Amino acid sequence: MKCPKCGHDNNPDIIFCEECDWRLDIPYRPEKKRNPAAYSAVTVVLGIIAAACGFLGQYYVAVAAGAVAMLLGGYSMNLPRLLGAPNATQCMALSALGLILGVVGFILGFSGALGA
């Protein structure tokens, strides 16, 4: 029987793989890996959208995009550090930029929506 995890050919009468000790009757699903650079890039894009909409008078879009950018920015600031990413400094800098732009867009949108 072939192991679903490592692909080793085992005897058909055993339960566990001889190479990796995986149970042969359970399918293997590799764990999902998170990409901190993708989260940082999405944060920057949302921050740019929020700031641009705040300056262009689309206040409700600015508030919504700014709120999402702030939430995602806080998450993506810590993700590279928690995962031990090799490009942690660059990802954290991009996340900080997106977070700041999101705050600016949120404030502009909120003040514009209130008529201040």
PDB file of N, CA and C in Angstrom:
ATOM      1  N   MET A   1       0.848  -1.173   0.000  1.00  0.00           N
ATOM      2  CA  MET A   1       0.000   0.000   0.000  1.00  0.00           C
ATOM      3  C   MET A   1       0.895   1.238   0.000  1.00  0.00           C
ATOM      4  N   LYS A   2       0.552   2.208  -0.832  1.00  0.00           N
ATOM      5  CA  LYS A   2       1.347   3.422  -0.963  1.00  0.00           C
ATOM      6  C   LYS A   2       0.901   4.455   0.077  1.00  0.00           C
ATOM      7  N   CYS A   3       1.868   5.079   0.725  1.00  0.00           N
ATOM      8  CA  CYS A   3       1.582   6.076   1.756  1.00  0.00           C
ATOM      9  C   CYS A   3       1.052   7.358   1.098  1.00  0.00           C
ATOM     10  N   PRO A   4      -0.066   7.915   1.612  1.00  0.00           N
ATOM     11  CA  PRO A   4      -0.594   9.146   1.028  1.00  0.00           C
ATOM     12  C   PRO A   4       0.245  10.380   1.358  1.00  0.00           C
ATOM     13  N   LYS A   5       1.108  10.285   2.376  1.00  0.00           N
ATOM     14  CA  LYS A   5       1.910  11.444   2.768  1.00  0.00           C
ATOM     15  C   LYS A   5       3.260  11.475   2.068  1.00  0.00           C
ATOM     16  N   CYS A   6       4.015  10.387   2.141  1.00  0.00           N
ATOM     17  CA  CYS A   6       5.379  10.401   1.595  1.00  0.00           C
ATOM     18  C   CYS A   6       5.526   9.601   0.311  1.00  0.00           C
ATOM     19  N   GLY A   7       4.549   8.739  -0.016  1.00  0.00           N
ATOM     20  CA  GLY A   7       4.601   7.965  -1.248  1.00  0.00           C
ATOM     21  C   GLY A   7       5.379   6.665  -1.148  1.00  0.00           C
ATOM     22  N   HIS A   8       5.795   6.287   0.040  1.00  0.00           N
ATOM     23  CA  HIS A   8       6.563   5.060   0.240  1.00  0.00           C
ATOM     24  C   HIS A   8       5.663   3.840   0.040  1.00  0.00           C
ATOM     25  N   ASP A   9       6.199   2.808  -0.646  1.00  0.00           N
ATOM     26  CA  ASP A   9       5.462   1.553  -0.830  1.00  0.00           C
ATOM     27  C   ASP A   9       5.625   0.688   0.412  1.00  0.00           C
ATOM     28  N   ASN A  10       4.508   0.391   1.069  1.00  0.00           N
ATOM     29  CA  ASN A  10       4.499  -0.405   2.292  1.00  0.00           C
ATOM     30  C   ASN A  10       3.832  -1.749   2.029  1.00  0.00           C
ATOM     31  N   ASN A  11       4.007  -2.675   2.954  1.00  0.00           N
ATOM     32  CA  ASN A  11       3.302  -3.954   2.889  1.00  0.00           C
ATOM     33  C   ASN A  11       1.808  -3.707   3.087  1.00  0.00           C
ATOM     34  N   PRO A  12       0.959  -4.466   2.415  1.00  0.00           N
ATOM     35  CA  PRO A  12      -0.485  -4.218   2.528  1.00  0.00           C
ATOM     36  C   PRO A  12      -1.081  -4.559   3.885  1.00  0.00           C
ATOM     37  N   ASP A  13      -0.375  -5.285   4.736  1.00  0.00           N
ATOM     38  CA  ASP A  13      -0.951  -5.699   6.011  1.00  0.00           C
ATOM     39  C   ASP A  13      -0.581  -4.784   7.178  1.00  0.00           C
ATOM     40  N   ILE A  14       0.109  -3.684   6.947  1.00  0.00           N
ATOM     41  CA  ILE A  14       0.475  -2.788   8.047  1.00  0.00           C
ATOM     42  C   ILE A  14      -0.454  -1.577   8.063  1.00  0.00           C
ATOM     43  N   ILE A  15      -0.516  -0.922   9.202  1.00  0.00           N
ATOM     44  CA  ILE A  15      -1.420   0.216   9.385  1.00  0.00           C
ATOM     45  C   ILE A  15      -0.681   1.541   9.216  1.00  0.00           C
ATOM     46  N   PHE A  16       0.565   1.598   9.702  1.00  0.00           N
ATOM     47  CA  PHE A  16       1.335   2.838   9.656  1.00  0.00           C
ATOM     48  C   PHE A  16       2.476   2.721   8.657  1.00  0.00           C
ATOM     49  N   CYS A  17       2.831   3.840   8.045  1.00  0.00           N
ATOM     50  CA  CYS A  17       3.921   3.882   7.070  1.00  0.00           C
ATOM     51  C   CYS A  17       5.247   3.598   7.770  1.00  0.00           C
ATOM     52  N   GLU A  18       6.103   2.841   7.102  1.00  0.00           N
ATOM     53  CA  GLU A  18       7.408   2.513   7.670  1.00  0.00           C
ATOM     54  C   GLU A  18       8.364   3.699   7.631  1.00  0.00           C
ATOM     55  N   GLU A  19       8.137   4.644   6.749  1.00  0.00           N
ATOM     56  CA  GLU A  19       9.032   5.793   6.603  1.00  0.00           C
ATOM     57  C   GLU A  19       8.636   6.972   7.492  1.00  0.00           C
ATOM     58  N   CYS A  20       7.367   7.366   7.420  1.00  0.00           N
ATOM     59  CA  CYS A  20       6.959   8.605   8.094  1.00  0.00           C
ATOM     60  C   CYS A  20       5.965   8.384   9.235  1.00  0.00           C
ATOM     61  N   ASP A  21       5.577   7.154   9.501  1.00  0.00           N
ATOM     62  CA  ASP A  21       4.636   6.801  10.571  1.00  0.00           C
ATOM     63  C   ASP A  21       3.244   7.403  10.384  1.00  0.00           C
ATOM     64  N   TRP A  22       2.873   7.718   9.155  1.00  0.00           N
ATOM     65  CA  TRP A  22       1.525   8.217   8.870  1.00  0.00           C
ATOM     66  C   TRP A  22       0.570   7.033   8.784  1.00  0.00           C
ATOM     67  N   ARG A  23      -0.620   7.193   9.302  1.00  0.00           N
ATOM     68  CA  ARG A  23      -1.624   6.129   9.225  1.00  0.00           C
ATOM     69  C   ARG A  23      -2.092   6.017   7.779  1.00  0.00           C
ATOM     70  N   LEU A  24      -2.020   4.814   7.213  1.00  0.00           N
ATOM     71  CA  LEU A  24      -2.222   4.621   5.781  1.00  0.00           C
ATOM     72  C   LEU A  24      -3.675   4.752   5.334  1.00  0.00           C
ATOM     73  N   ASP A  25      -4.632   4.628   6.237  1.00  0.00           N
ATOM     74  CA  ASP A  25      -6.029   4.736   5.833  1.00  0.00           C
ATOM     75  C   ASP A  25      -6.578   6.160   5.950  1.00  0.00           C
ATOM     76  N   ILE A  26      -5.734   7.111   6.321  1.00  0.00           N
ATOM     77  CA  ILE A  26      -6.149   8.511   6.447  1.00  0.00           C
ATOM     78  C   ILE A  26      -5.486   9.317   5.331  1.00  0.00           C
ATOM     79  N   PRO A  27      -6.274  10.051   4.537  1.00  0.00           N
ATOM     80  CA  PRO A  27      -5.656  10.863   3.480  1.00  0.00           C
ATOM     81  C   PRO A  27      -4.852  12.017   4.076  1.00  0.00           C
ATOM     82  N   TYR A  28      -3.795  12.398   3.378  1.00  0.00           N
ATOM     83  CA  TYR A  28      -2.916  13.463   3.854  1.00  0.00           C
ATOM     84  C   TYR A  28      -3.310  14.784   3.207  1.00  0.00           C
ATOM     85  N   ARG A  29      -3.489  15.809   4.037  1.00  0.00           N
ATOM     86  CA  ARG A  29      -3.739  17.165   3.551  1.00  0.00           C
ATOM     87  C   ARG A  29      -2.647  18.061   4.114  1.00  0.00           C
ATOM     88  N   PRO A  30      -1.779  18.613   3.258  1.00  0.00           N
ATOM     89  CA  PRO A  30      -0.725  19.481   3.780  1.00  0.00           C
ATOM     90  C   PRO A  30      -1.323  20.757   4.365  1.00  0.00           C
ATOM     91  N   GLU A  31      -0.649  21.306   5.381  1.00  0.00           N
ATOM     92  CA  GLU A  31      -1.160  22.515   6.008  1.00  0.00           C
ATOM     93  C   GLU A  31      -1.007  23.703   5.062  1.00  0.00           C
ATOM     94  N   LYS A  32      -1.954  24.624   5.163  1.00  0.00           N
ATOM     95  CA  LYS A  32      -1.931  25.805   4.311  1.00  0.00           C
ATOM     96  C   LYS A  32      -0.898  26.786   4.843  1.00  0.00           C
ATOM     97  N   LYS A  33      -0.148  27.357   3.927  1.00  0.00           N
ATOM     98  CA  LYS A  33       0.862  28.334   4.321  1.00  0.00           C
ATOM     99  C   LYS A  33       0.362  29.730   3.992  1.00  0.00           C
ATOM    100  N   ARG A  34       0.500  30.627   4.946  1.00  0.00           N
ATOM    101  CA  ARG A  34       0.090  32.008   4.741  1.00  0.00           C
ATOM    102  C   ARG A  34       1.257  32.802   4.176  1.00  0.00           C
ATOM    103  N   ASN A  35       0.954  33.687   3.252  1.00  0.00           N
ATOM    104  CA  ASN A  35       1.970  34.504   2.615  1.00  0.00           C
ATOM    105  C   ASN A  35       1.877  35.920   3.173  1.00  0.00           C
ATOM    106  N   PRO A  36       2.829  36.338   4.031  1.00  0.00           N
ATOM    107  CA  PRO A  36       2.741  37.665   4.631  1.00  0.00           C
ATOM    108  C   PRO A  36       2.858  38.788   3.609  1.00  0.00           C
ATOM    109  N   ALA A  37       3.588  38.568   2.523  1.00  0.00           N
ATOM    110  CA  ALA A  37       3.730  39.614   1.508  1.00  0.00           C
ATOM    111  C   ALA A  37       2.398  39.896   0.824  1.00  0.00           C
ATOM    112  N   ALA A  38       1.580  38.887   0.632  1.00  0.00           N
ATOM    113  CA  ALA A  38       0.270  39.091   0.008  1.00  0.00           C
ATOM    114  C   ALA A  38      -0.644  39.903   0.921  1.00  0.00           C
ATOM    115  N   TYR A  39      -0.634  39.602   2.211  1.00  0.00           N
ATOM    116  CA  TYR A  39      -1.442  40.374   3.153  1.00  0.00           C
ATOM    117  C   TYR A  39      -0.980  41.831   3.189  1.00  0.00           C
ATOM    118  N   SER A  40       0.329  42.048   3.158  1.00  0.00           N
ATOM    119  CA  SER A  40       0.858  43.410   3.167  1.00  0.00           C
ATOM    120  C   SER A  40       0.465  44.163   1.909  1.00  0.00           C
ATOM    121  N   ALA A  41       0.532  43.490   0.767  1.00  0.00           N
ATOM    122  CA  ALA A  41       0.174  44.137  -0.498  1.00  0.00           C
ATOM    123  C   ALA A  41      -1.309  44.508  -0.528  1.00  0.00           C
ATOM    124  N   VAL A  42      -2.161  43.624  -0.042  1.00  0.00           N
ATOM    125  CA  VAL A  42      -3.599  43.923  -0.001  1.00  0.00           C
ATOM    126  C   VAL A  42      -3.870  45.090   0.941  1.00  0.00           C
ATOM    127  N   THR A  43      -3.137  45.163   2.051  1.00  0.00           N
ATOM    128  CA  THR A  43      -3.297  46.272   2.983  1.00  0.00           C
ATOM    129  C   THR A  43      -2.937  47.592   2.327  1.00  0.00           C
ATOM    130  N   VAL A  44      -1.839  47.620   1.571  1.00  0.00           N
ATOM    131  CA  VAL A  44      -1.430  48.849   0.885  1.00  0.00           C
ATOM    132  C   VAL A  44      -2.469  49.252  -0.156  1.00  0.00           C
ATOM    133  N   VAL A  45      -2.961  48.295  -0.915  1.00  0.00           N
ATOM    134  CA  VAL A  45      -3.969  48.601  -1.944  1.00  0.00           C
ATOM    135  C   VAL A  45      -5.232  49.170  -1.297  1.00  0.00           C
ATOM    136  N   LEU A  46      -5.692  48.555  -0.225  1.00  0.00           N
ATOM    137  CA  LEU A  46      -6.880  49.069   0.462  1.00  0.00           C
ATOM    138  C   LEU A  46      -6.624  50.443   1.070  1.00  0.00           C
ATOM    139  N   GLY A  47      -5.425  50.668   1.597  1.00  0.00           N
ATOM    140  CA  GLY A  47      -5.085  51.981   2.135  1.00  0.00           C
ATOM    141  C   GLY A  47      -5.070  53.052   1.061  1.00  0.00           C
ATOM    142  N   ILE A  48      -4.528  52.728  -0.110  1.00  0.00           N
ATOM    143  CA  ILE A  48      -4.517  53.681  -1.224  1.00  0.00           C
ATOM    144  C   ILE A  48      -5.942  53.983  -1.676  1.00  0.00           C
ATOM    145  N   ILE A  49      -6.770  52.953  -1.775  1.00  0.00           N
ATOM    146  CA  ILE A  49      -8.172  53.163  -2.166  1.00  0.00           C
ATOM    147  C   ILE A  49      -8.879  54.045  -1.144  1.00  0.00           C
ATOM    148  N   ALA A  50      -8.656  53.786   0.140  1.00  0.00           N
ATOM    149  CA  ALA A  50      -9.314  54.572   1.184  1.00  0.00           C
ATOM    150  C   ALA A  50      -8.875  56.028   1.136  1.00  0.00           C
ATOM    151  N   ALA A  51      -7.573  56.267   1.014  1.00  0.00           N
ATOM    152  CA  ALA A  51      -7.080  57.645   0.977  1.00  0.00           C
ATOM    153  C   ALA A  51      -7.555  58.365  -0.284  1.00  0.00           C
ATOM    154  N   ALA A  52      -7.508  57.692  -1.418  1.00  0.00           N
ATOM    155  CA  ALA A  52      -7.944  58.319  -2.670  1.00  0.00           C
ATOM    156  C   ALA A  52      -9.432  58.645  -2.628  1.00  0.00           C
ATOM    157  N   CYS A  53     -10.237  57.727  -2.134  1.00  0.00           N
ATOM    158  CA  CYS A  53     -11.675  57.987  -2.045  1.00  0.00           C
ATOM    159  C   CYS A  53     -11.980  59.094  -1.039  1.00  0.00           C
ATOM    160  N   GLY A  54     -11.193  59.179   0.017  1.00  0.00           N
ATOM    161  CA  GLY A  54     -11.377  60.260   0.982  1.00  0.00           C
ATOM    162  C   GLY A  54     -11.093  61.618   0.377  1.00  0.00           C
ATOM    163  N   PHE A  55     -10.060  61.702  -0.455  1.00  0.00           N
ATOM    164  CA  PHE A  55      -9.735  62.968  -1.108  1.00  0.00           C
ATOM    165  C   PHE A  55     -10.692  63.290  -2.253  1.00  0.00           C
ATOM    166  N   LEU A  56     -11.262  62.269  -2.890  1.00  0.00           N
ATOM    167  CA  LEU A  56     -12.139  62.480  -4.040  1.00  0.00           C
ATOM    168  C   LEU A  56     -13.611  62.639  -3.664  1.00  0.00           C
ATOM    169  N   GLY A  57     -13.935  62.540  -2.401  1.00  0.00           N
ATOM    170  CA  GLY A  57     -15.304  62.777  -1.968  1.00  0.00           C
ATOM    171  C   GLY A  57     -16.178  61.543  -1.886  1.00  0.00           C
ATOM    172  N   GLN A  58     -15.637  60.371  -2.078  1.00  0.00           N
ATOM    173  CA  GLN A  58     -16.388  59.120  -1.925  1.00  0.00           C
ATOM    174  C   GLN A  58     -16.247  58.663  -0.471  1.00  0.00           C
ATOM    175  N   TYR A  59     -16.972  59.340   0.406  1.00  0.00           N
ATOM    176  CA  TYR A  59     -16.720  59.207   1.834  1.00  0.00           C
ATOM    177  C   TYR A  59     -17.071  57.829   2.391  1.00  0.00           C
ATOM    178  N   TYR A  60     -18.160  57.262   1.961  1.00  0.00           N
ATOM    179  CA  TYR A  60     -18.561  55.967   2.510  1.00  0.00           C
ATOM    180  C   TYR A  60     -17.623  54.844   2.058  1.00  0.00           C
ATOM    181  N   VAL A  61     -17.151  54.945   0.830  1.00  0.00           N
ATOM    182  CA  VAL A  61     -16.163  53.972   0.348  1.00  0.00           C
ATOM    183  C   VAL A  61     -14.867  54.132   1.131  1.00  0.00           C
ATOM    184  N   ALA A  62     -14.491  55.386   1.408  1.00  0.00           N
ATOM    185  CA  ALA A  62     -13.269  55.648   2.168  1.00  0.00           C
ATOM    186  C   ALA A  62     -13.362  55.086   3.583  1.00  0.00           C
ATOM    187  N   VAL A  63     -14.529  55.234   4.204  1.00  0.00           N
ATOM    188  CA  VAL A  63     -14.707  54.699   5.561  1.00  0.00           C
ATOM    189  C   VAL A  63     -14.620  53.177   5.548  1.00  0.00           C
ATOM    190  N   ALA A  64     -15.292  52.549   4.591  1.00  0.00           N
ATOM    191  CA  ALA A  64     -15.289  51.083   4.531  1.00  0.00           C
ATOM    192  C   ALA A  64     -13.898  50.541   4.208  1.00  0.00           C
ATOM    193  N   ALA A  65     -13.258  51.091   3.183  1.00  0.00           N
ATOM    194  CA  ALA A  65     -11.921  50.612   2.812  1.00  0.00           C
ATOM    195  C   ALA A  65     -10.908  50.931   3.899  1.00  0.00           C
ATOM    196  N   GLY A  66     -11.054  52.083   4.543  1.00  0.00           N
ATOM    197  CA  GLY A  66     -10.147  52.439   5.635  1.00  0.00           C
ATOM    198  C   GLY A  66     -10.285  51.513   6.826  1.00  0.00           C
ATOM    199  N   ALA A  67     -11.518  51.142   7.155  1.00  0.00           N
ATOM    200  CA  ALA A  67     -11.732  50.227   8.281  1.00  0.00           C
ATOM    201  C   ALA A  67     -11.131  48.857   7.995  1.00  0.00           C
ATOM    202  N   VAL A  68     -11.344  48.359   6.781  1.00  0.00           N
ATOM    203  CA  VAL A  68     -10.774  47.055   6.423  1.00  0.00           C
ATOM    204  C   VAL A  68      -9.253  47.134   6.382  1.00  0.00           C
ATOM    205  N   ALA A  69      -8.710  48.239   5.860  1.00  0.00           N
ATOM    206  CA  ALA A  69      -7.253  48.400   5.809  1.00  0.00           C
ATOM    207  C   ALA A  69      -6.652  48.458   7.208  1.00  0.00           C
ATOM    208  N   MET A  70      -7.360  49.095   8.142  1.00  0.00           N
ATOM    209  CA  MET A  70      -6.845  49.152   9.509  1.00  0.00           C
ATOM    210  C   MET A  70      -6.854  47.771  10.163  1.00  0.00           C
ATOM    211  N   LEU A  71      -7.933  47.027   9.978  1.00  0.00           N
ATOM    212  CA  LEU A  71      -7.997  45.681  10.560  1.00  0.00           C
ATOM    213  C   LEU A  71      -6.949  44.753   9.943  1.00  0.00           C
ATOM    214  N   LEU A  72      -6.893  44.755   8.622  1.00  0.00           N
ATOM    215  CA  LEU A  72      -5.933  43.897   7.940  1.00  0.00           C
ATOM    216  C   LEU A  72      -4.498  44.367   8.189  1.00  0.00           C
ATOM    217  N   GLY A  73      -4.310  45.672   8.325  1.00  0.00           N
ATOM    218  CA  GLY A  73      -2.979  46.202   8.608  1.00  0.00           C
ATOM    219  C   GLY A  73      -2.458  45.756   9.965  1.00  0.00           C
ATOM    220  N   GLY A  74      -3.332  45.757  10.956  1.00  0.00           N
ATOM    221  CA  GLY A  74      -2.925  45.278  12.274  1.00  0.00           C
ATOM    222  C   GLY A  74      -2.562  43.805  12.258  1.00  0.00           C
ATOM    223  N   TYR A  75      -3.320  43.032  11.495  1.00  0.00           N
ATOM    224  CA  TYR A  75      -3.031  41.599  11.379  1.00  0.00           C
ATOM    225  C   TYR A  75      -1.737  41.366  10.615  1.00  0.00           C
ATOM    226  N   SER A  76      -1.587  42.072   9.488  1.00  0.00           N
ATOM    227  CA  SER A  76      -0.417  41.817   8.645  1.00  0.00           C
ATOM    228  C   SER A  76       0.858  42.434   9.200  1.00  0.00           C
ATOM    229  N   MET A  77       0.748  43.314  10.190  1.00  0.00           N
ATOM    230  CA  MET A  77       1.956  43.822  10.854  1.00  0.00           C
ATOM    231  C   MET A  77       2.604  42.726  11.705  1.00  0.00           C
ATOM    232  N   ASN A  78       1.796  41.876  12.300  1.00  0.00           N
ATOM    233  CA  ASN A  78       2.313  40.843  13.191  1.00  0.00           C
ATOM    234  C   ASN A  78       2.560  39.511  12.505  1.00  0.00           C
ATOM    235  N   LEU A  79       1.934  39.275  11.371  1.00  0.00           N
ATOM    236  CA  LEU A  79       2.037  37.980  10.703  1.00  0.00           C
ATOM    237  C   LEU A  79       3.467  37.610  10.314  1.00  0.00           C
ATOM    238  N   PRO A  80       4.265  38.507   9.708  1.00  0.00           N
ATOM    239  CA  PRO A  80       5.636  38.103   9.343  1.00  0.00           C
ATOM    240  C   PRO A  80       6.488  37.742  10.560  1.00  0.00           C
ATOM    241  N   ARG A  81       6.273  38.449  11.641  1.00  0.00           N
ATOM    242  CA  ARG A  81       7.038  38.166  12.857  1.00  0.00           C
ATOM    243  C   ARG A  81       6.642  36.818  13.449  1.00  0.00           C
ATOM    244  N   LEU A  82       5.345  36.523  13.435  1.00  0.00           N
ATOM    245  CA  LEU A  82       4.877  35.258  13.992  1.00  0.00           C
ATOM    246  C   LEU A  82       5.306  34.064  13.150  1.00  0.00           C
ATOM    247  N   LEU A  83       5.325  34.235  11.826  1.00  0.00           N
ATOM    248  CA  LEU A  83       5.714  33.140  10.942  1.00  0.00           C
ATOM    249  C   LEU A  83       7.224  33.035  10.764  1.00  0.00           C
ATOM    250  N   GLY A  84       7.952  34.038  11.204  1.00  0.00           N
ATOM    251  CA  GLY A  84       9.401  34.031  11.011  1.00  0.00           C
ATOM    252  C   GLY A  84       9.784  34.185   9.553  1.00  0.00           C
ATOM    253  N   ALA A  85       9.086  35.045   8.846  1.00  0.00           N
ATOM    254  CA  ALA A  85       9.328  35.232   7.413  1.00  0.00           C
ATOM    255  C   ALA A  85      10.696  35.872   7.181  1.00  0.00           C
ATOM    256  N   PRO A  86      11.392  35.470   6.117  1.00  0.00           N
ATOM    257  CA  PRO A  86      12.709  36.056   5.848  1.00  0.00           C
ATOM    258  C   PRO A  86      12.630  37.525   5.435  1.00  0.00           C
ATOM    259  N   ASN A  87      11.506  37.948   4.883  1.00  0.00           N
ATOM    260  CA  ASN A  87      11.334  39.338   4.472  1.00  0.00           C
ATOM    261  C   ASN A  87      10.410  40.081   5.436  1.00  0.00           C
ATOM    262  N   ALA A  88      10.568  39.829   6.711  1.00  0.00           N
ATOM    263  CA  ALA A  88       9.661  40.373   7.719  1.00  0.00           C
ATOM    264  C   ALA A  88       9.712  41.890   7.774  1.00  0.00           C
ATOM    265  N   THR A  89      10.893  42.479   7.648  1.00  0.00           N
ATOM    266  CA  THR A  89      11.019  43.933   7.736  1.00  0.00           C
ATOM    267  C   THR A  89      10.283  44.618   6.595  1.00  0.00           C
ATOM    268  N   GLN A  90      10.440  44.103   5.384  1.00  0.00           N
ATOM    269  CA  GLN A  90       9.769  44.702   4.235  1.00  0.00           C
ATOM    270  C   GLN A  90       8.253  44.543   4.345  1.00  0.00           C
ATOM    271  N   CYS A  91       7.810  43.382   4.776  1.00  0.00           N
ATOM    272  CA  CYS A  91       6.367  43.154   4.921  1.00  0.00           C
ATOM    273  C   CYS A  91       5.769  44.054   5.995  1.00  0.00           C
ATOM    274  N   MET A  92       6.486  44.224   7.090  1.00  0.00           N
ATOM    275  CA  MET A  92       5.983  45.080   8.156  1.00  0.00           C
ATOM    276  C   MET A  92       5.965  46.538   7.729  1.00  0.00           C
ATOM    277  N   ALA A  93       6.950  46.963   6.934  1.00  0.00           N
ATOM    278  CA  ALA A  93       6.964  48.339   6.435  1.00  0.00           C
ATOM    279  C   ALA A  93       5.798  48.584   5.481  1.00  0.00           C
ATOM    280  N   LEU A  94       5.529  47.631   4.590  1.00  0.00           N
ATOM    281  CA  LEU A  94       4.384  47.765   3.685  1.00  0.00           C
ATOM    282  C   LEU A  94       3.074  47.775   4.463  1.00  0.00           C
ATOM    283  N   SER A  95       2.985  46.942   5.473  1.00  0.00           N
ATOM    284  CA  SER A  95       1.774  46.906   6.289  1.00  0.00           C
ATOM    285  C   SER A  95       1.573  48.220   7.028  1.00  0.00           C
ATOM    286  N   ALA A  96       2.656  48.796   7.523  1.00  0.00           N
ATOM    287  CA  ALA A  96       2.563  50.084   8.213  1.00  0.00           C
ATOM    288  C   ALA A  96       2.101  51.177   7.256  1.00  0.00           C
ATOM    289  N   LEU A  97       2.616  51.157   6.030  1.00  0.00           N
ATOM    290  CA  LEU A  97       2.187  52.133   5.028  1.00  0.00           C
ATOM    291  C   LEU A  97       0.695  51.986   4.736  1.00  0.00           C
ATOM    292  N   GLY A  98       0.241  50.769   4.525  1.00  0.00           N
ATOM    293  CA  GLY A  98      -1.181  50.538   4.277  1.00  0.00           C
ATOM    294  C   GLY A  98      -2.043  50.916   5.464  1.00  0.00           C
ATOM    295  N   LEU A  99      -1.539  50.655   6.664  1.00  0.00           N
ATOM    296  CA  LEU A  99      -2.274  51.004   7.876  1.00  0.00           C
ATOM    297  C   LEU A  99      -2.421  52.515   8.005  1.00  0.00           C
ATOM    298  N   ILE A 100      -1.343  53.245   7.759  1.00  0.00           N
ATOM    299  CA  ILE A 100      -1.385  54.712   7.844  1.00  0.00           C
ATOM    300  C   ILE A 100      -2.319  55.290   6.784  1.00  0.00           C
ATOM    301  N   LEU A 101      -2.217  54.784   5.553  1.00  0.00           N
ATOM    302  CA  LEU A 101      -3.117  55.256   4.501  1.00  0.00           C
ATOM    303  C   LEU A 101      -4.568  54.917   4.823  1.00  0.00           C
ATOM    304  N   GLY A 102      -4.796  53.767   5.417  1.00  0.00           N
ATOM    305  CA  GLY A 102      -6.145  53.393   5.822  1.00  0.00           C
ATOM    306  C   GLY A 102      -6.700  54.313   6.894  1.00  0.00           C
ATOM    307  N   VAL A 103      -5.864  54.700   7.853  1.00  0.00           N
ATOM    308  CA  VAL A 103      -6.297  55.629   8.899  1.00  0.00           C
ATOM    309  C   VAL A 103      -6.628  56.988   8.290  1.00  0.00           C
ATOM    310  N   VAL A 104      -5.765  57.469   7.388  1.00  0.00           N
ATOM    311  CA  VAL A 104      -6.012  58.758   6.731  1.00  0.00           C
ATOM    312  C   VAL A 104      -7.319  58.708   5.943  1.00  0.00           C
ATOM    313  N   GLY A 105      -7.507  57.648   5.168  1.00  0.00           N
ATOM    314  CA  GLY A 105      -8.744  57.518   4.401  1.00  0.00           C
ATOM    315  C   GLY A 105      -9.965  57.405   5.285  1.00  0.00           C
ATOM    316  N   PHE A 106      -9.849  56.669   6.381  1.00  0.00           N
ATOM    317  CA  PHE A 106     -10.970  56.521   7.304  1.00  0.00           C
ATOM    318  C   PHE A 106     -11.336  57.862   7.924  1.00  0.00           C
ATOM    319  N   ILE A 107     -10.343  58.620   8.364  1.00  0.00           N
ATOM    320  CA  ILE A 107     -10.611  59.922   8.985  1.00  0.00           C
ATOM    321  C   ILE A 107     -11.214  60.889   7.971  1.00  0.00           C
ATOM    322  N   LEU A 108     -10.656  60.926   6.762  1.00  0.00           N
ATOM    323  CA  LEU A 108     -11.208  61.805   5.727  1.00  0.00           C
ATOM    324  C   LEU A 108     -12.642  61.411   5.379  1.00  0.00           C
ATOM    325  N   GLY A 109     -12.887  60.131   5.241  1.00  0.00           N
ATOM    326  CA  GLY A 109     -14.228  59.669   4.911  1.00  0.00           C
ATOM    327  C   GLY A 109     -15.221  59.914   6.028  1.00  0.00           C
ATOM    328  N   PHE A 110     -14.795  59.686   7.252  1.00  0.00           N
ATOM    329  CA  PHE A 110     -15.694  59.874   8.387  1.00  0.00           C
ATOM    330  C   PHE A 110     -16.043  61.343   8.574  1.00  0.00           C
ATOM    331  N   SER A 111     -15.031  62.211   8.468  1.00  0.00           N
ATOM    332  CA  SER A 111     -15.300  63.643   8.623  1.00  0.00           C
ATOM    333  C   SER A 111     -16.120  64.178   7.452  1.00  0.00           C
ATOM    334  N   GLY A 112     -15.882  63.669   6.253  1.00  0.00           N
ATOM    335  CA  GLY A 112     -16.673  64.099   5.104  1.00  0.00           C
ATOM    336  C   GLY A 112     -18.108  63.615   5.180  1.00  0.00           C
ATOM    337  N   ALA A 113     -18.309  62.416   5.682  1.00  0.00           N
ATOM    338  CA  ALA A 113     -19.667  61.881   5.799  1.00  0.00           C
ATOM    339  C   ALA A 113     -20.472  62.633   6.853  1.00  0.00           C
ATOM    340  N   LEU A 114     -19.795  63.128   7.882  1.00  0.00           N
ATOM    341  CA  LEU A 114     -20.480  63.900   8.914  1.00  0.00           C
ATOM    342  C   LEU A 114     -20.686  65.354   8.506  1.00  0.00           C
ATOM    343  N   GLY A 115     -20.029  65.764   7.435  1.00  0.00           N
ATOM    344  CA  GLY A 115     -20.175  67.136   6.957  1.00  0.00           C
ATOM    345  C   GLY A 115     -19.280  68.124   7.669  1.00  0.00           C
ATOM    346  N   ALA A 116     -18.228  67.651   8.288  1.00  0.00           N
ATOM    347  CA  ALA A 116     -17.323  68.543   9.023  1.00  0.00           C
ATOM    348  C   ALA A 116     -16.340  69.233   8.106  1.00  0.00           C
TER     349      ALA A 116
END
